[in-house]
Amino acid sequence: MNLKEIGSRIKAERKSQNLSQEKLAEIINVSPHYIYEIERGLKAMSLETLINLSTALNISTDYVLFGDKQNSSPSLAELLNALDDPRRQKAENAFKALLPYIK
């Protein structure tokens, strides 16, 4: 796993969505300097940060880690959007119930 490549993918996705490091940091509740360090490949991120980043940028963790958009799994947002309203609500409730155990 190459931290510089991971950081480059995150930076490219952030920029393609017109997000500043500060705004992305605010969305995922980390410091802007931490986003800078991740994007430069200076720091490895926690699993929680990886999930939060991929969710905020609406990209898969496979893409963040390996750079393969073609064979990557759908993001959580994509999976939820594919459900009808009642099933989406059930999935969101289940996910919310799991959140305390993810940390």
PDB file of N, CA and C in Angstrom:
ATOM      1  N   MET A   1       0.851  -1.171   0.000  1.00  0.00           N
ATOM      2  CA  MET A   1       0.000   0.000   0.000  1.00  0.00           C
ATOM      3  C   MET A   1       0.901   1.239   0.000  1.00  0.00           C
ATOM      4  N   ASN A   2       0.700   2.083  -0.981  1.00  0.00           N
ATOM      5  CA  ASN A   2       1.527   3.271  -1.146  1.00  0.00           C
ATOM      6  C   ASN A   2       0.754   4.501  -0.650  1.00  0.00           C
ATOM      7  N   LEU A   3       1.225   5.084   0.450  1.00  0.00           N
ATOM      8  CA  LEU A   3       0.531   6.223   1.058  1.00  0.00           C
ATOM      9  C   LEU A   3       0.470   7.435   0.138  1.00  0.00           C
ATOM     10  N   LYS A   4       1.502   7.637  -0.668  1.00  0.00           N
ATOM     11  CA  LYS A   4       1.491   8.784  -1.586  1.00  0.00           C
ATOM     12  C   LYS A   4       0.424   8.615  -2.659  1.00  0.00           C
ATOM     13  N   GLU A   5       0.262   7.409  -3.178  1.00  0.00           N
ATOM     14  CA  GLU A   5      -0.770   7.154  -4.183  1.00  0.00           C
ATOM     15  C   GLU A   5      -2.165   7.309  -3.582  1.00  0.00           C
ATOM     16  N   ILE A   6      -2.343   6.803  -2.370  1.00  0.00           N
ATOM     17  CA  ILE A   6      -3.628   6.945  -1.672  1.00  0.00           C
ATOM     18  C   ILE A   6      -3.936   8.420  -1.488  1.00  0.00           C
ATOM     19  N   GLY A   7      -2.954   9.163  -1.021  1.00  0.00           N
ATOM     20  CA  GLY A   7      -3.131  10.596  -0.815  1.00  0.00           C
ATOM     21  C   GLY A   7      -3.449  11.335  -2.096  1.00  0.00           C
ATOM     22  N   SER A   8      -2.807  10.945  -3.175  1.00  0.00           N
ATOM     23  CA  SER A   8      -3.062  11.580  -4.475  1.00  0.00           C
ATOM     24  C   SER A   8      -4.490  11.335  -4.942  1.00  0.00           C
ATOM     25  N   ARG A   9      -4.992  10.110  -4.733  1.00  0.00           N
ATOM     26  CA  ARG A   9      -6.374   9.812  -5.120  1.00  0.00           C
ATOM     27  C   ARG A   9      -7.361  10.633  -4.291  1.00  0.00           C
ATOM     28  N   ILE A  10      -7.107  10.729  -2.998  1.00  0.00           N
ATOM     29  CA  ILE A  10      -7.986  11.511  -2.121  1.00  0.00           C
ATOM     30  C   ILE A  10      -7.967  12.973  -2.549  1.00  0.00           C
ATOM     31  N   LYS A  11      -6.782  13.508  -2.792  1.00  0.00           N
ATOM     32  CA  LYS A  11      -6.657  14.910  -3.202  1.00  0.00           C
ATOM     33  C   LYS A  11      -7.385  15.164  -4.517  1.00  0.00           C
ATOM     34  N   ALA A  12      -7.202  14.269  -5.487  1.00  0.00           N
ATOM     35  CA  ALA A  12      -7.853  14.436  -6.792  1.00  0.00           C
ATOM     36  C   ALA A  12      -9.377  14.412  -6.646  1.00  0.00           C
ATOM     37  N   GLU A  13      -9.890  13.497  -5.857  1.00  0.00           N
ATOM     38  CA  GLU A  13     -11.342  13.422  -5.655  1.00  0.00           C
ATOM     39  C   GLU A  13     -11.855  14.657  -4.925  1.00  0.00           C
ATOM     40  N   ARG A  14     -11.115  15.101  -3.917  1.00  0.00           N
ATOM     41  CA  ARG A  14     -11.513  16.298  -3.165  1.00  0.00           C
ATOM     42  C   ARG A  14     -11.584  17.502  -4.098  1.00  0.00           C
ATOM     43  N   LYS A  15     -10.551  17.660  -4.915  1.00  0.00           N
ATOM     44  CA  LYS A  15     -10.506  18.800  -5.836  1.00  0.00           C
ATOM     45  C   LYS A  15     -11.592  18.701  -6.905  1.00  0.00           C
ATOM     46  N   SER A  16     -11.878  17.486  -7.377  1.00  0.00           N
ATOM     47  CA  SER A  16     -12.914  17.329  -8.411  1.00  0.00           C
ATOM     48  C   SER A  16     -14.294  17.706  -7.878  1.00  0.00           C
ATOM     49  N   GLN A  17     -14.434  17.681  -6.566  1.00  0.00           N
ATOM     50  CA  GLN A  17     -15.703  18.052  -5.937  1.00  0.00           C
ATOM     51  C   GLN A  17     -15.663  19.467  -5.367  1.00  0.00           C
ATOM     52  N   ASN A  18     -14.615  20.197  -5.731  1.00  0.00           N
ATOM     53  CA  ASN A  18     -14.445  21.592  -5.299  1.00  0.00           C
ATOM     54  C   ASN A  18     -14.504  21.756  -3.779  1.00  0.00           C
ATOM     55  N   LEU A  19     -13.878  20.824  -3.074  1.00  0.00           N
ATOM     56  CA  LEU A  19     -13.801  20.914  -1.620  1.00  0.00           C
ATOM     57  C   LEU A  19     -12.401  21.351  -1.216  1.00  0.00           C
ATOM     58  N   SER A  20     -12.321  22.258  -0.282  1.00  0.00           N
ATOM     59  CA  SER A  20     -11.024  22.626   0.280  1.00  0.00           C
ATOM     60  C   SER A  20     -10.646  21.580   1.326  1.00  0.00           C
ATOM     61  N   GLN A  21      -9.371  21.562   1.686  1.00  0.00           N
ATOM     62  CA  GLN A  21      -8.945  20.676   2.770  1.00  0.00           C
ATOM     63  C   GLN A  21      -9.699  21.020   4.046  1.00  0.00           C
ATOM     64  N   GLU A  22      -9.924  22.293   4.253  1.00  0.00           N
ATOM     65  CA  GLU A  22     -10.617  22.748   5.458  1.00  0.00           C
ATOM     66  C   GLU A  22     -12.051  22.229   5.499  1.00  0.00           C
ATOM     67  N   LYS A  23     -12.747  22.296   4.364  1.00  0.00           N
ATOM     68  CA  LYS A  23     -14.143  21.845   4.313  1.00  0.00           C
ATOM     69  C   LYS A  23     -14.226  20.339   4.488  1.00  0.00           C
ATOM     70  N   LEU A  24     -13.345  19.588   3.829  1.00  0.00           N
ATOM     71  CA  LEU A  24     -13.339  18.134   3.977  1.00  0.00           C
ATOM     72  C   LEU A  24     -13.033  17.756   5.418  1.00  0.00           C
ATOM     73  N   ALA A  25     -12.070  18.441   6.012  1.00  0.00           N
ATOM     74  CA  ALA A  25     -11.728  18.182   7.414  1.00  0.00           C
ATOM     75  C   ALA A  25     -12.931  18.425   8.320  1.00  0.00           C
ATOM     76  N   GLU A  26     -13.655  19.496   8.038  1.00  0.00           N
ATOM     77  CA  GLU A  26     -14.844  19.815   8.832  1.00  0.00           C
ATOM     78  C   GLU A  26     -15.907  18.718   8.685  1.00  0.00           C
ATOM     79  N   ILE A  27     -16.099  18.237   7.473  1.00  0.00           N
ATOM     80  CA  ILE A  27     -17.108  17.208   7.206  1.00  0.00           C
ATOM     81  C   ILE A  27     -16.803  15.924   7.974  1.00  0.00           C
ATOM     82  N   ILE A  28     -15.530  15.537   8.023  1.00  0.00           N
ATOM     83  CA  ILE A  28     -15.196  14.259   8.674  1.00  0.00           C
ATOM     84  C   ILE A  28     -14.627  14.434  10.083  1.00  0.00           C
ATOM     85  N   ASN A  29     -14.647  15.669  10.564  1.00  0.00           N
ATOM     86  CA  ASN A  29     -14.274  15.959  11.951  1.00  0.00           C
ATOM     87  C   ASN A  29     -12.808  15.631  12.275  1.00  0.00           C
ATOM     88  N   VAL A  30     -11.921  16.110  11.418  1.00  0.00           N
ATOM     89  CA  VAL A  30     -10.481  16.035  11.670  1.00  0.00           C
ATOM     90  C   VAL A  30      -9.896  17.414  11.389  1.00  0.00           C
ATOM     91  N   SER A  31      -8.624  17.586  11.638  1.00  0.00           N
ATOM     92  CA  SER A  31      -7.996  18.884  11.383  1.00  0.00           C
ATOM     93  C   SER A  31      -7.605  19.000   9.902  1.00  0.00           C
ATOM     94  N   PRO A  32      -7.595  20.217   9.379  1.00  0.00           N
ATOM     95  CA  PRO A  32      -7.134  20.414   8.000  1.00  0.00           C
ATOM     96  C   PRO A  32      -5.687  19.935   7.805  1.00  0.00           C
ATOM     97  N   HIS A  33      -4.872  20.085   8.836  1.00  0.00           N
ATOM     98  CA  HIS A  33      -3.482  19.644   8.733  1.00  0.00           C
ATOM     99  C   HIS A  33      -3.407  18.117   8.562  1.00  0.00           C
ATOM    100  N   TYR A  34      -4.315  17.392   9.186  1.00  0.00           N
ATOM    101  CA  TYR A  34      -4.358  15.931   9.039  1.00  0.00           C
ATOM    102  C   TYR A  34      -4.703  15.562   7.587  1.00  0.00           C
ATOM    103  N   ILE A  35      -5.654  16.280   6.981  1.00  0.00           N
ATOM    104  CA  ILE A  35      -5.987  16.048   5.569  1.00  0.00           C
ATOM    105  C   ILE A  35      -4.748  16.316   4.705  1.00  0.00           C
ATOM    106  N   TYR A  36      -4.043  17.403   4.997  1.00  0.00           N
ATOM    107  CA  TYR A  36      -2.809  17.729   4.277  1.00  0.00           C
ATOM    108  C   TYR A  36      -1.812  16.569   4.381  1.00  0.00           C
ATOM    109  N   GLU A  37      -1.620  16.051   5.581  1.00  0.00           N
ATOM    110  CA  GLU A  37      -0.652  14.961   5.782  1.00  0.00           C
ATOM    111  C   GLU A  37      -1.077  13.683   5.053  1.00  0.00           C
ATOM    112  N   ILE A  38      -2.375  13.394   5.050  1.00  0.00           N
ATOM    113  CA  ILE A  38      -2.863  12.216   4.324  1.00  0.00           C
ATOM    114  C   ILE A  38      -2.626  12.392   2.825  1.00  0.00           C
ATOM    115  N   GLU A  39      -3.007  13.555   2.294  1.00  0.00           N
ATOM    116  CA  GLU A  39      -2.865  13.800   0.866  1.00  0.00           C
ATOM    117  C   GLU A  39      -1.409  13.793   0.408  1.00  0.00           C
ATOM    118  N   ARG A  40      -0.499  14.179   1.251  1.00  0.00           N
ATOM    119  CA  ARG A  40       0.933  14.166   0.912  1.00  0.00           C
ATOM    120  C   ARG A  40       1.564  12.791   1.118  1.00  0.00           C
ATOM    121  N   GLY A  41       0.822  11.851   1.709  1.00  0.00           N
ATOM    122  CA  GLY A  41       1.360  10.524   1.980  1.00  0.00           C
ATOM    123  C   GLY A  41       2.262  10.486   3.190  1.00  0.00           C
ATOM    124  N   LEU A  42       2.111  11.465   4.074  1.00  0.00           N
ATOM    125  CA  LEU A  42       2.953  11.544   5.259  1.00  0.00           C
ATOM    126  C   LEU A  42       2.396  10.760   6.434  1.00  0.00           C
ATOM    127  N   LYS A  43       1.088  10.521   6.417  1.00  0.00           N
ATOM    128  CA  LYS A  43       0.440   9.807   7.526  1.00  0.00           C
ATOM    129  C   LYS A  43      -0.495   8.753   6.979  1.00  0.00           C
ATOM    130  N   ALA A  44      -0.536   7.630   7.677  1.00  0.00           N
ATOM    131  CA  ALA A  44      -1.557   6.615   7.401  1.00  0.00           C
ATOM    132  C   ALA A  44      -2.791   6.988   8.205  1.00  0.00           C
ATOM    133  N   MET A  45      -3.944   6.662   7.664  1.00  0.00           N
ATOM    134  CA  MET A  45      -5.173   7.011   8.374  1.00  0.00           C
ATOM    135  C   MET A  45      -5.765   5.782   9.050  1.00  0.00           C
ATOM    136  N   SER A  46      -6.597   6.049  10.032  1.00  0.00           N
ATOM    137  CA  SER A  46      -7.294   4.961  10.718  1.00  0.00           C
ATOM    138  C   SER A  46      -8.393   4.418   9.815  1.00  0.00           C
ATOM    139  N   LEU A  47      -8.913   3.264  10.158  1.00  0.00           N
ATOM    140  CA  LEU A  47     -10.025   2.680   9.422  1.00  0.00           C
ATOM    141  C   LEU A  47     -11.232   3.617   9.467  1.00  0.00           C
ATOM    142  N   GLU A  48     -11.485   4.206  10.616  1.00  0.00           N
ATOM    143  CA  GLU A  48     -12.602   5.140  10.752  1.00  0.00           C
ATOM    144  C   GLU A  48     -12.445   6.334   9.807  1.00  0.00           C
ATOM    145  N   THR A  49     -11.238   6.883   9.717  1.00  0.00           N
ATOM    146  CA  THR A  49     -10.994   8.013   8.822  1.00  0.00           C
ATOM    147  C   THR A  49     -11.149   7.593   7.368  1.00  0.00           C
ATOM    148  N   LEU A  50     -10.665   6.410   7.020  1.00  0.00           N
ATOM    149  CA  LEU A  50     -10.819   5.892   5.653  1.00  0.00           C
ATOM    150  C   LEU A  50     -12.296   5.810   5.280  1.00  0.00           C
ATOM    151  N   ILE A  51     -13.093   5.256   6.167  1.00  0.00           N
ATOM    152  CA  ILE A  51     -14.533   5.126   5.906  1.00  0.00           C
ATOM    153  C   ILE A  51     -15.179   6.505   5.804  1.00  0.00           C
ATOM    154  N   ASN A  52     -14.832   7.395   6.721  1.00  0.00           N
ATOM    155  CA  ASN A  52     -15.408   8.739   6.697  1.00  0.00           C
ATOM    156  C   ASN A  52     -15.022   9.498   5.423  1.00  0.00           C
ATOM    157  N   LEU A  53     -13.773   9.375   5.005  1.00  0.00           N
ATOM    158  CA  LEU A  53     -13.320  10.028   3.771  1.00  0.00           C
ATOM    159  C   LEU A  53     -14.041   9.478   2.545  1.00  0.00           C
ATOM    160  N   SER A  54     -14.111   8.157   2.447  1.00  0.00           N
ATOM    161  CA  SER A  54     -14.744   7.574   1.262  1.00  0.00           C
ATOM    162  C   SER A  54     -16.234   7.905   1.230  1.00  0.00           C
ATOM    163  N   THR A  55     -16.866   7.970   2.392  1.00  0.00           N
ATOM    164  CA  THR A  55     -18.277   8.353   2.440  1.00  0.00           C
ATOM    165  C   THR A  55     -18.444   9.818   2.053  1.00  0.00           C
ATOM    166  N   ALA A  56     -17.622  10.688   2.617  1.00  0.00           N
ATOM    167  CA  ALA A  56     -17.722  12.127   2.332  1.00  0.00           C
ATOM    168  C   ALA A  56     -17.470  12.423   0.863  1.00  0.00           C
ATOM    169  N   LEU A  57     -16.554  11.693   0.252  1.00  0.00           N
ATOM    170  CA  LEU A  57     -16.217  11.917  -1.156  1.00  0.00           C
ATOM    171  C   LEU A  57     -17.033  11.041  -2.107  1.00  0.00           C
ATOM    172  N   ASN A  58     -17.856  10.157  -1.521  1.00  0.00           N
ATOM    173  CA  ASN A  58     -18.705   9.246  -2.297  1.00  0.00           C
ATOM    174  C   ASN A  58     -17.879   8.379  -3.250  1.00  0.00           C
ATOM    175  N   ILE A  59     -16.810   7.811  -2.704  1.00  0.00           N
ATOM    176  CA  ILE A  59     -15.952   6.887  -3.451  1.00  0.00           C
ATOM    177  C   ILE A  59     -15.776   5.636  -2.608  1.00  0.00           C
ATOM    178  N   SER A  60     -15.445   4.541  -3.236  1.00  0.00           N
ATOM    179  CA  SER A  60     -15.273   3.297  -2.492  1.00  0.00           C
ATOM    180  C   SER A  60     -13.915   3.256  -1.787  1.00  0.00           C
ATOM    181  N   THR A  61     -13.862   2.497  -0.723  1.00  0.00           N
ATOM    182  CA  THR A  61     -12.587   2.313  -0.028  1.00  0.00           C
ATOM    183  C   THR A  61     -11.614   1.544  -0.917  1.00  0.00           C
ATOM    184  N   ASP A  62     -12.123   0.662  -1.782  1.00  0.00           N
ATOM    185  CA  ASP A  62     -11.260  -0.048  -2.730  1.00  0.00           C
ATOM    186  C   ASP A  62     -10.535   0.939  -3.627  1.00  0.00           C
ATOM    187  N   TYR A  63     -11.267   1.942  -4.101  1.00  0.00           N
ATOM    188  CA  TYR A  63     -10.643   2.944  -4.958  1.00  0.00           C
ATOM    189  C   TYR A  63      -9.589   3.740  -4.182  1.00  0.00           C
ATOM    190  N   VAL A  64      -9.922   4.147  -2.962  1.00  0.00           N
ATOM    191  CA  VAL A  64      -8.960   4.916  -2.159  1.00  0.00           C
ATOM    192  C   VAL A  64      -7.687   4.097  -1.968  1.00  0.00           C
ATOM    193  N   LEU A  65      -7.827   2.840  -1.598  1.00  0.00           N
ATOM    194  CA  LEU A  65      -6.661   2.012  -1.281  1.00  0.00           C
ATOM    195  C   LEU A  65      -5.922   1.497  -2.509  1.00  0.00           C
ATOM    196  N   PHE A  66      -6.674   1.107  -3.558  1.00  0.00           N
ATOM    197  CA  PHE A  66      -6.044   0.405  -4.672  1.00  0.00           C
ATOM    198  C   PHE A  66      -6.142   1.128  -6.017  1.00  0.00           C
ATOM    199  N   GLY A  67      -6.988   2.152  -6.100  1.00  0.00           N
ATOM    200  CA  GLY A  67      -7.065   2.947  -7.317  1.00  0.00           C
ATOM    201  C   GLY A  67      -7.849   2.339  -8.450  1.00  0.00           C
ATOM    202  N   ASP A  68      -8.578   1.281  -8.195  1.00  0.00           N
ATOM    203  CA  ASP A  68      -9.313   0.610  -9.257  1.00  0.00           C
ATOM    204  C   ASP A  68     -10.789   0.945  -9.176  1.00  0.00           C
ATOM    205  N   LYS A  69     -11.228   1.892 -10.007  1.00  0.00           N
ATOM    206  CA  LYS A  69     -12.640   2.262 -10.019  1.00  0.00           C
ATOM    207  C   LYS A  69     -13.485   1.201 -10.702  1.00  0.00           C
ATOM    208  N   GLN A  70     -12.929   0.501 -11.674  1.00  0.00           N
ATOM    209  CA  GLN A  70     -13.714  -0.463 -12.446  1.00  0.00           C
ATOM    210  C   GLN A  70     -14.174  -1.645 -11.598  1.00  0.00           C
ATOM    211  N   ASN A  71     -13.296  -2.166 -10.787  1.00  0.00           N
ATOM    212  CA  ASN A  71     -13.627  -3.367 -10.022  1.00  0.00           C
ATOM    213  C   ASN A  71     -13.918  -3.081  -8.561  1.00  0.00           C
ATOM    214  N   SER A  72     -14.119  -1.827  -8.226  1.00  0.00           N
ATOM    215  CA  SER A  72     -14.338  -1.502  -6.831  1.00  0.00           C
ATOM    216  C   SER A  72     -15.780  -1.755  -6.436  1.00  0.00           C
ATOM    217  N   SER A  73     -15.971  -1.998  -5.169  1.00  0.00           N
ATOM    218  CA  SER A  73     -17.301  -2.230  -4.629  1.00  0.00           C
ATOM    219  C   SER A  73     -18.059  -0.912  -4.579  1.00  0.00           C
ATOM    220  N   PRO A  74     -19.391  -0.989  -4.642  1.00  0.00           N
ATOM    221  CA  PRO A  74     -20.156   0.258  -4.538  1.00  0.00           C
ATOM    222  C   PRO A  74     -20.003   0.870  -3.153  1.00  0.00           C
ATOM    223  N   SER A  75     -20.090   2.181  -3.094  1.00  0.00           N
ATOM    224  CA  SER A  75     -19.996   2.873  -1.805  1.00  0.00           C
ATOM    225  C   SER A  75     -21.280   2.644  -1.018  1.00  0.00           C
ATOM    226  N   LEU A  76     -21.229   2.935   0.255  1.00  0.00           N
ATOM    227  CA  LEU A  76     -22.411   2.812   1.106  1.00  0.00           C
ATOM    228  C   LEU A  76     -23.538   3.692   0.568  1.00  0.00           C
ATOM    229  N   ALA A  77     -23.206   4.894   0.148  1.00  0.00           N
ATOM    230  CA  ALA A  77     -24.216   5.798  -0.404  1.00  0.00           C
ATOM    231  C   ALA A  77     -24.864   5.202  -1.650  1.00  0.00           C
ATOM    232  N   GLU A  78     -24.067   4.586  -2.508  1.00  0.00           N
ATOM    233  CA  GLU A  78     -24.618   3.966  -3.723  1.00  0.00           C
ATOM    234  C   GLU A  78     -25.548   2.811  -3.377  1.00  0.00           C
ATOM    235  N   LEU A  79     -25.145   2.019  -2.387  1.00  0.00           N
ATOM    236  CA  LEU A  79     -25.990   0.903  -1.963  1.00  0.00           C
ATOM    237  C   LEU A  79     -27.309   1.395  -1.388  1.00  0.00           C
ATOM    238  N   LEU A  80     -27.244   2.424  -0.553  1.00  0.00           N
ATOM    239  CA  LEU A  80     -28.467   2.966   0.047  1.00  0.00           C
ATOM    240  C   LEU A  80     -29.372   3.591  -1.006  1.00  0.00           C
ATOM    241  N   ASN A  81     -28.790   4.295  -1.961  1.00  0.00           N
ATOM    242  CA  ASN A  81     -29.587   4.946  -3.007  1.00  0.00           C
ATOM    243  C   ASN A  81     -30.302   3.947  -3.907  1.00  0.00           C
ATOM    244  N   ALA A  82     -29.789   2.734  -3.983  1.00  0.00           N
ATOM    245  CA  ALA A  82     -30.407   1.711  -4.823  1.00  0.00           C
ATOM    246  C   ALA A  82     -31.647   1.094  -4.168  1.00  0.00           C
ATOM    247  N   LEU A  83     -31.858   1.346  -2.888  1.00  0.00           N
ATOM    248  CA  LEU A  83     -32.996   0.764  -2.169  1.00  0.00           C
ATOM    249  C   LEU A  83     -34.233   1.639  -2.284  1.00  0.00           C
ATOM    250  N   ASP A  84     -35.397   0.998  -2.173  1.00  0.00           N
ATOM    251  CA  ASP A  84     -36.622   1.795  -2.085  1.00  0.00           C
ATOM    252  C   ASP A  84     -36.681   2.423  -0.687  1.00  0.00           C
ATOM    253  N   ASP A  85     -37.567   3.405  -0.496  1.00  0.00           N
ATOM    254  CA  ASP A  85     -37.594   4.183   0.747  1.00  0.00           C
ATOM    255  C   ASP A  85     -37.722   3.342   2.016  1.00  0.00           C
ATOM    256  N   PRO A  86     -38.653   2.383   2.096  1.00  0.00           N
ATOM    257  CA  PRO A  86     -38.758   1.598   3.341  1.00  0.00           C
ATOM    258  C   PRO A  86     -37.491   0.791   3.639  1.00  0.00           C
ATOM    259  N   ARG A  87     -36.918   0.192   2.623  1.00  0.00           N
ATOM    260  CA  ARG A  87     -35.697  -0.602   2.834  1.00  0.00           C
ATOM    261  C   ARG A  87     -34.515   0.298   3.170  1.00  0.00           C
ATOM    262  N   ARG A  88     -34.458   1.482   2.539  1.00  0.00           N
ATOM    263  CA  ARG A  88     -33.381   2.428   2.841  1.00  0.00           C
ATOM    264  C   ARG A  88     -33.452   2.854   4.307  1.00  0.00           C
ATOM    265  N   GLN A  89     -34.657   3.130   4.782  1.00  0.00           N
ATOM    266  CA  GLN A  89     -34.822   3.545   6.178  1.00  0.00           C
ATOM    267  C   GLN A  89     -34.389   2.433   7.131  1.00  0.00           C
ATOM    268  N   LYS A  90     -34.739   1.193   6.818  1.00  0.00           N
ATOM    269  CA  LYS A  90     -34.326   0.054   7.650  1.00  0.00           C
ATOM    270  C   LYS A  90     -32.800  -0.085   7.659  1.00  0.00           C
ATOM    271  N   ALA A  91     -32.180   0.075   6.493  1.00  0.00           N
ATOM    272  CA  ALA A  91     -30.722  -0.029   6.402  1.00  0.00           C
ATOM    273  C   ALA A  91     -30.054   1.100   7.179  1.00  0.00           C
ATOM    274  N   GLU A  92     -30.580   2.305   7.060  1.00  0.00           N
ATOM    275  CA  GLU A  92     -30.020   3.443   7.799  1.00  0.00           C
ATOM    276  C   GLU A  92     -30.153   3.230   9.303  1.00  0.00           C
ATOM    277  N   ASN A  93     -31.299   2.711   9.744  1.00  0.00           N
ATOM    278  CA  ASN A  93     -31.497   2.435  11.178  1.00  0.00           C
ATOM    279  C   ASN A  93     -30.520   1.370  11.670  1.00  0.00           C
ATOM    280  N   ALA A  94     -30.314   0.334  10.856  1.00  0.00           N
ATOM    281  CA  ALA A  94     -29.367  -0.721  11.234  1.00  0.00           C
ATOM    282  C   ALA A  94     -27.955  -0.166  11.329  1.00  0.00           C
ATOM    283  N   PHE A  95     -27.575   0.665  10.370  1.00  0.00           N
ATOM    284  CA  PHE A  95     -26.240   1.260  10.384  1.00  0.00           C
ATOM    285  C   PHE A  95     -26.061   2.159  11.606  1.00  0.00           C
ATOM    286  N   LYS A  96     -27.070   2.972  11.908  1.00  0.00           N
ATOM    287  CA  LYS A  96     -27.004   3.849  13.080  1.00  0.00           C
ATOM    288  C   LYS A  96     -26.835   3.034  14.359  1.00  0.00           C
ATOM    289  N   ALA A  97     -27.491   1.884  14.421  1.00  0.00           N
ATOM    290  CA  ALA A  97     -27.366   1.026  15.598  1.00  0.00           C
ATOM    291  C   ALA A  97     -25.957   0.461  15.723  1.00  0.00           C
ATOM    292  N   LEU A  98     -25.265   0.271  14.603  1.00  0.00           N
ATOM    293  CA  LEU A  98     -23.907  -0.278  14.607  1.00  0.00           C
ATOM    294  C   LEU A  98     -22.833   0.765  14.903  1.00  0.00           C
ATOM    295  N   LEU A  99     -23.117   2.034  14.657  1.00  0.00           N
ATOM    296  CA  LEU A  99     -22.101   3.080  14.788  1.00  0.00           C
ATOM    297  C   LEU A  99     -21.355   3.065  16.118  1.00  0.00           C
ATOM    298  N   PRO A 100     -22.008   2.896  17.251  1.00  0.00           N
ATOM    299  CA  PRO A 100     -21.245   2.896  18.514  1.00  0.00           C
ATOM    300  C   PRO A 100     -20.212   1.786  18.613  1.00  0.00           C
ATOM    301  N   TYR A 101     -20.408   0.721  17.857  1.00  0.00           N
ATOM    302  CA  TYR A 101     -19.499  -0.424  17.918  1.00  0.00           C
ATOM    303  C   TYR A 101     -18.359  -0.338  16.920  1.00  0.00           C
ATOM    304  N   ILE A 102     -18.417   0.618  15.990  1.00  0.00           N
ATOM    305  CA  ILE A 102     -17.386   0.765  14.968  1.00  0.00           C
ATOM    306  C   ILE A 102     -16.141   1.450  15.529  1.00  0.00           C
ATOM    307  N   LYS A 103     -16.312   2.339  16.468  1.00  0.00           N
ATOM    308  CA  LYS A 103     -15.186   3.121  16.996  1.00  0.00           C
ATOM    309  C   LYS A 103     -14.250   2.343  17.807  1.00  0.00           C
TER     310      LYS A 103
END
